[in-house]
Amino acid sequence: MTKFYSTATTLLLLASSCSAFVPSKPFVAIESKLNSAVDDKTEVREYFNTEGFNRWNKIYSESDDVNSVQLDIRTGHDQTIQKVLNWLSADGDIKGKTVCDCGCGVGSLAIPVASMGAKVSASDISDSMANEAGRRAKEMGIKNAKFYTSDLESVTGNYDTVTCIDVAIHYPSEKMAEMVEHLCSLSNRRVIISFAPKTWYYVLLKKIGELFPGPSKTTRAYLHEEEIVRNALSKAGFTVAREEMTATNFYFSRLLEATK
C-alpha cells in the first residue's frame, strides 16, 4: 500500500526507507495501513499525537536529524510560510489585527505572525502539536498568541484573517468545499489557504507511489481540484487576490489569498 509522509499540503512518497515525492498542515501527507473504515479525523489525530509528531517536529525545526527528503520538505514548507509572511508584511497592517491559524502544527506561521504584532488564536487537532507550538512561543517570549487543541470544524469566532496552511491534504475531496466555507465563515476580511493541487502530473506521481510500500503507517493524502477551492471561496463572498505555487523536489503546495 502507498505510504506518504505528511502534514498537510504535501504528498511524500516513500520508496524503500526514503521518500520519493511530495505534492502539501505541513501540504505533505500520507496514505496509511489503517483500516479504511477508520475516519480520517481520528487517523490524523492519532498519527500527529504519536509517531507523526516526533517526525514532523524534527522537520519543522532546525534539527540536523533529518534525511535529504525531509530537509527538502522543510525547505518547501518554509518557502510557503515565508510567502504568507511576505504578503502580510507588504500590506503593513497586521499589527493589532486578529488572526486565526487553523491546523497550526508547531507554530511555524502563528509564531512569526504574532511576532509581527497580530493577536493570534492557533489550533491543531493534535495535543502534541498545539502544546509544542505553545512551548516554542513561550520560549520566544510571545504573549499575544494562544494555542489550543481543536479539529478545524470546531473552531469558532470572528477574525480579520484566517489561515490554513498545509492542512487540506487531510481532507477528502468531497469535504473540501465545506471546509473552505467554514474557514470563510470565521473571517471578516481575508482567508489564506494552501492545498496540494490535483493535476494530471501529481495524480500520476501518486499512482507511481503505489508501487512502493512505505516503512511506517501515516495518514491518507488527498489532492484537490483548484476550481473547487476557488468556487467555495467565491460562494462565501471572497475573491482570490494573490496566489503562489511552491514546488521543490518533494513538496508541492498551491497558496491562495482571498479577500472580501
Protein backbone atom coordinates (compact mmCIF):
# COMPACT_ATOMS: atom_id res chain seq x y z
CA MET A 1 0.00 0.00 0.00
CA THR A 2 1.18 3.53 -0.73
CA LYS A 3 2.87 5.47 2.01
CA PHE A 4 3.01 9.20 2.15
CA TYR A 5 4.84 11.19 4.80
CA SER A 6 2.78 14.20 5.50
CA THR A 7 1.49 17.05 7.45
CA ALA A 8 -0.72 18.84 5.16
CA THR A 9 -0.42 20.16 1.68
CA THR A 10 2.40 17.97 0.71
CA LEU A 11 2.44 14.43 -0.58
CA LEU A 12 5.54 12.49 0.20
CA LEU A 13 6.03 9.15 -1.45
CA LEU A 14 8.19 6.65 0.36
CA ALA A 15 10.27 4.32 -1.70
CA SER A 16 12.08 1.79 0.44
CA SER A 17 13.14 3.75 3.52
CA CYS A 18 13.14 7.19 1.98
CA SER A 19 10.54 9.39 0.38
CA ALA A 20 10.37 9.96 -3.31
CA PHE A 21 7.81 12.62 -3.95
CA VAL A 22 5.54 15.20 -2.41
CA PRO A 23 2.61 17.24 -3.77
CA SER A 24 1.17 19.85 0.78
CA LYS A 25 -0.81 21.14 7.52
CA PRO A 26 2.57 20.54 6.58
CA PHE A 27 0.77 20.32 2.18
CA VAL A 28 2.76 16.71 2.80
CA ALA A 29 0.66 13.67 3.66
CA ILE A 30 0.13 10.05 3.57
CA GLU A 31 -1.91 7.03 2.73
CA SER A 32 -1.84 4.57 5.58
CA LYS A 33 -2.19 0.97 6.68
CA LEU A 34 -5.03 1.93 8.96
CA ASN A 35 -8.33 0.31 8.08
CA SER A 36 -10.21 2.44 5.59
CA ALA A 37 -13.22 2.31 7.90
CA VAL A 38 -11.34 4.45 10.43
CA ASP A 39 -12.36 8.02 9.86
CA ASP A 40 -9.72 10.45 8.63
CA LYS A 41 -10.06 12.79 11.61
CA THR A 42 -9.29 10.04 14.11
CA GLU A 43 -6.44 8.80 11.95
CA VAL A 44 -4.84 12.23 11.70
CA ARG A 45 -5.27 12.96 15.42
CA GLU A 46 -3.67 9.65 16.45
CA TYR A 47 -0.82 9.95 13.97
CA PHE A 48 0.18 13.50 14.93
CA ASN A 49 -0.06 12.72 18.64
CA THR A 50 2.42 9.85 18.33
CA GLU A 51 4.86 8.89 15.58
CA GLY A 52 3.86 11.75 13.31
CA PHE A 53 4.61 14.34 15.98
CA ASN A 54 8.13 13.03 16.50
CA ARG A 55 8.81 13.04 12.76
CA TRP A 56 7.32 16.41 11.89
CA ASN A 57 8.57 18.19 14.98
CA LYS A 58 12.08 17.45 13.72
CA ILE A 59 11.26 18.51 10.17
CA TYR A 60 9.70 21.77 11.37
CA SER A 61 12.72 22.75 13.43
CA GLU A 62 16.42 23.33 12.90
CA SER A 63 17.30 19.76 13.83
CA ASP A 64 20.09 18.09 11.86
CA ASP A 65 18.46 14.73 12.47
CA VAL A 66 16.64 14.69 9.11
CA ASN A 67 17.35 12.98 5.81
CA SER A 68 17.67 14.76 2.46
CA VAL A 69 14.00 14.30 1.60
CA GLN A 70 12.82 15.66 4.94
CA LEU A 71 15.19 18.59 4.54
CA ASP A 72 13.66 19.28 1.10
CA ILE A 73 10.16 19.24 2.62
CA ARG A 74 11.32 21.62 5.35
CA THR A 75 12.60 23.96 2.64
CA GLY A 76 9.34 23.82 0.70
CA HIS A 77 7.17 24.38 3.76
CA ASP A 78 9.39 27.27 4.88
CA GLN A 79 9.00 28.85 1.44
CA THR A 80 5.21 28.67 1.67
CA ILE A 81 5.26 30.18 5.18
CA GLN A 82 7.56 32.96 4.01
CA LYS A 83 5.25 33.81 1.11
CA VAL A 84 2.39 34.28 3.55
CA LEU A 85 4.55 36.43 5.81
CA ASN A 86 5.66 38.49 2.80
CA TRP A 87 2.02 39.18 1.90
CA LEU A 88 1.20 40.26 5.44
CA SER A 89 4.32 42.40 5.67
CA ALA A 90 3.64 44.06 2.31
CA ASP A 91 0.16 45.08 3.45
CA GLY A 92 1.69 46.66 6.54
CA ASP A 93 -1.45 46.47 8.67
CA ILE A 94 -1.27 43.17 10.55
CA LYS A 95 -0.27 44.72 13.90
CA GLY A 96 -3.20 44.61 16.30
CA LYS A 97 -5.35 42.56 13.93
CA THR A 98 -6.84 39.20 14.87
CA VAL A 99 -5.55 36.07 13.14
CA CYS A 100 -6.90 32.53 13.39
CA ASP A 101 -4.45 29.85 12.30
CA CYS A 102 -6.24 26.53 11.79
CA GLY A 103 -4.00 23.47 11.84
CA CYS A 104 -1.12 25.44 13.31
CA GLY A 105 1.22 22.46 13.75
CA VAL A 106 4.22 23.54 15.82
CA GLY A 107 3.55 27.23 15.19
CA SER A 108 5.58 27.73 12.01
CA LEU A 109 3.22 30.50 10.87
CA ALA A 110 1.40 31.52 14.06
CA ILE A 111 4.55 32.44 15.99
CA PRO A 112 6.08 34.79 13.38
CA VAL A 113 2.66 36.37 12.75
CA ALA A 114 2.36 37.03 16.50
CA SER A 115 5.87 38.48 16.39
CA MET A 116 4.54 40.96 13.80
CA GLY A 117 2.07 42.22 16.40
CA ALA A 118 -1.09 40.32 15.48
CA LYS A 119 -3.39 38.79 18.09
CA VAL A 120 -3.20 35.11 17.21
CA SER A 121 -5.52 32.25 18.05
CA ALA A 122 -3.99 28.99 16.80
CA SER A 123 -5.34 25.46 16.96
CA ASP A 124 -4.37 21.96 15.93
CA ILE A 125 -6.16 18.62 16.09
CA SER A 126 -3.09 17.19 17.84
CA ASP A 127 -2.45 17.90 21.52
CA SER A 128 1.24 17.26 20.92
CA MET A 129 1.46 19.78 18.10
CA ALA A 130 -0.51 22.51 19.89
CA ASN A 131 1.49 22.04 23.09
CA GLU A 132 4.78 22.20 21.20
CA ALA A 133 3.69 25.38 19.46
CA GLY A 134 2.80 26.89 22.83
CA ARG A 135 6.15 25.83 24.25
CA ARG A 136 8.04 27.43 21.37
CA ALA A 137 6.04 30.65 21.67
CA LYS A 138 6.68 30.85 25.41
CA GLU A 139 10.39 30.22 24.86
CA MET A 140 10.42 33.19 22.45
CA GLY A 141 8.54 35.44 24.85
CA ILE A 142 5.40 35.55 22.70
CA LYS A 143 2.41 36.62 24.81
CA ASN A 144 -0.12 37.64 22.15
CA ALA A 145 -0.82 34.12 20.86
CA LYS A 146 -2.85 31.31 22.35
CA PHE A 147 -2.58 27.68 21.27
CA TYR A 148 -5.23 25.06 21.88
CA THR A 149 -6.42 21.67 20.65
CA SER A 150 -9.35 21.53 18.25
CA ASP A 151 -10.35 19.99 14.94
CA LEU A 152 -10.91 22.54 12.22
CA GLU A 153 -14.70 22.15 12.13
CA SER A 154 -14.97 23.04 15.83
CA VAL A 155 -13.09 26.34 15.59
CA THR A 156 -15.39 29.32 16.20
CA GLY A 157 -15.13 33.10 16.36
CA ASN A 158 -14.58 36.01 14.01
CA TYR A 159 -11.14 37.14 12.89
CA ASP A 160 -9.62 39.64 10.49
CA THR A 161 -7.52 36.92 8.85
CA VAL A 162 -7.93 33.14 8.82
CA THR A 163 -5.05 30.93 7.69
CA CYS A 164 -4.94 27.20 6.98
CA ILE A 165 -1.57 26.09 5.66
CA ASP A 166 -0.70 22.53 4.63
CA VAL A 167 -3.81 21.05 6.25
CA ALA A 168 -6.20 20.40 3.35
CA ILE A 169 -4.24 17.32 2.33
CA HIS A 170 -6.01 15.50 5.18
CA TYR A 171 -9.49 16.37 3.89
CA PRO A 172 -11.31 14.07 1.43
CA SER A 173 -12.25 15.82 -1.80
CA GLU A 174 -15.96 15.63 -1.04
CA LYS A 175 -15.39 17.60 2.18
CA MET A 176 -13.08 20.24 0.75
CA ALA A 177 -15.73 22.80 -0.26
CA GLU A 178 -17.40 22.53 3.14
CA MET A 179 -14.06 23.01 4.87
CA VAL A 180 -13.25 26.12 2.82
CA GLU A 181 -16.69 27.58 3.50
CA HIS A 182 -16.18 27.04 7.24
CA LEU A 183 -12.86 28.87 7.13
CA CYS A 184 -14.58 31.74 5.33
CA SER A 185 -17.31 31.87 7.99
CA LEU A 186 -14.61 32.66 10.56
CA SER A 187 -13.13 35.57 8.61
CA ASN A 188 -14.25 39.19 8.41
CA ARG A 189 -11.74 40.08 5.74
CA ARG A 190 -9.24 37.53 4.46
CA VAL A 191 -8.62 33.79 4.12
CA ILE A 192 -5.24 32.29 3.22
CA ILE A 193 -5.21 28.59 2.36
CA SER A 194 -2.80 26.11 0.79
CA PHE A 195 -3.50 22.71 -0.71
CA ALA A 196 -1.96 20.04 -2.91
CA PRO A 197 -3.34 20.71 -6.40
CA LYS A 198 -4.95 17.86 -8.30
CA THR A 199 -3.28 17.91 -11.70
CA TRP A 200 -2.59 15.06 -14.09
CA TYR A 201 1.09 15.23 -13.17
CA TYR A 202 0.60 14.92 -9.40
CA VAL A 203 -2.06 12.25 -9.85
CA LEU A 204 0.41 10.27 -11.97
CA LEU A 205 3.13 10.63 -9.33
CA LYS A 206 0.73 9.40 -6.67
CA LYS A 207 -0.15 6.34 -8.73
CA ILE A 208 3.54 5.59 -9.24
CA GLY A 209 3.96 5.84 -5.49
CA GLU A 210 1.50 2.98 -5.00
CA LEU A 211 4.17 0.67 -6.38
CA PHE A 212 6.42 1.35 -3.40
CA PRO A 213 5.49 0.29 0.14
CA GLY A 214 6.48 2.59 2.97
CA PRO A 215 8.19 1.61 6.23
CA SER A 216 5.60 3.00 8.61
CA LYS A 217 1.96 3.93 8.75
CA THR A 218 0.83 7.51 8.33
CA THR A 219 -2.38 9.14 7.05
CA ARG A 220 -4.22 9.25 3.75
CA ALA A 221 -3.36 12.07 1.37
CA TYR A 222 -5.81 13.99 -0.79
CA LEU A 223 -5.21 16.19 -3.82
CA HIS A 224 -7.78 18.90 -4.56
CA GLU A 225 -9.07 20.50 -7.74
CA GLU A 226 -8.28 24.20 -7.65
CA GLU A 227 -11.61 25.05 -9.26
CA ILE A 228 -13.47 23.53 -6.29
CA VAL A 229 -11.47 25.64 -3.84
CA ARG A 230 -11.97 28.82 -5.85
CA ASN A 231 -15.70 28.18 -6.26
CA ALA A 232 -16.09 27.60 -2.49
CA LEU A 233 -14.29 30.87 -1.77
CA SER A 234 -16.48 32.70 -4.28
CA LYS A 235 -19.67 31.18 -2.85
CA ALA A 236 -18.68 32.53 0.56
CA GLY A 237 -18.20 36.03 -0.86
CA PHE A 238 -14.42 36.00 -1.22
CA THR A 239 -12.30 36.84 -4.28
CA VAL A 240 -8.80 35.49 -4.87
CA ALA A 241 -6.44 38.45 -4.60
CA ARG A 242 -3.00 36.79 -4.63
CA GLU A 243 -1.71 33.34 -5.43
CA GLU A 244 1.55 31.41 -5.35
CA MET A 245 2.86 27.94 -6.09
CA THR A 246 5.68 26.30 -4.17
CA ALA A 247 7.39 23.29 -5.69
CA THR A 248 10.60 21.63 -4.54
CA ASN A 249 11.64 18.07 -5.29
CA PHE A 250 9.31 16.59 -2.69
CA TYR A 251 6.88 19.35 -1.76
CA PHE A 252 4.09 20.89 -3.84
CA SER A 253 1.65 23.47 -2.49
CA ARG A 254 -0.82 25.89 -4.07
CA LEU A 255 -1.33 29.03 -2.00
CA LEU A 256 -4.35 31.34 -2.35
CA GLU A 257 -5.25 34.55 -0.57
CA ALA A 258 -8.92 35.53 -0.85
CA THR A 259 -10.48 38.74 0.42
CA LYS A 260 -13.93 40.26 0.82
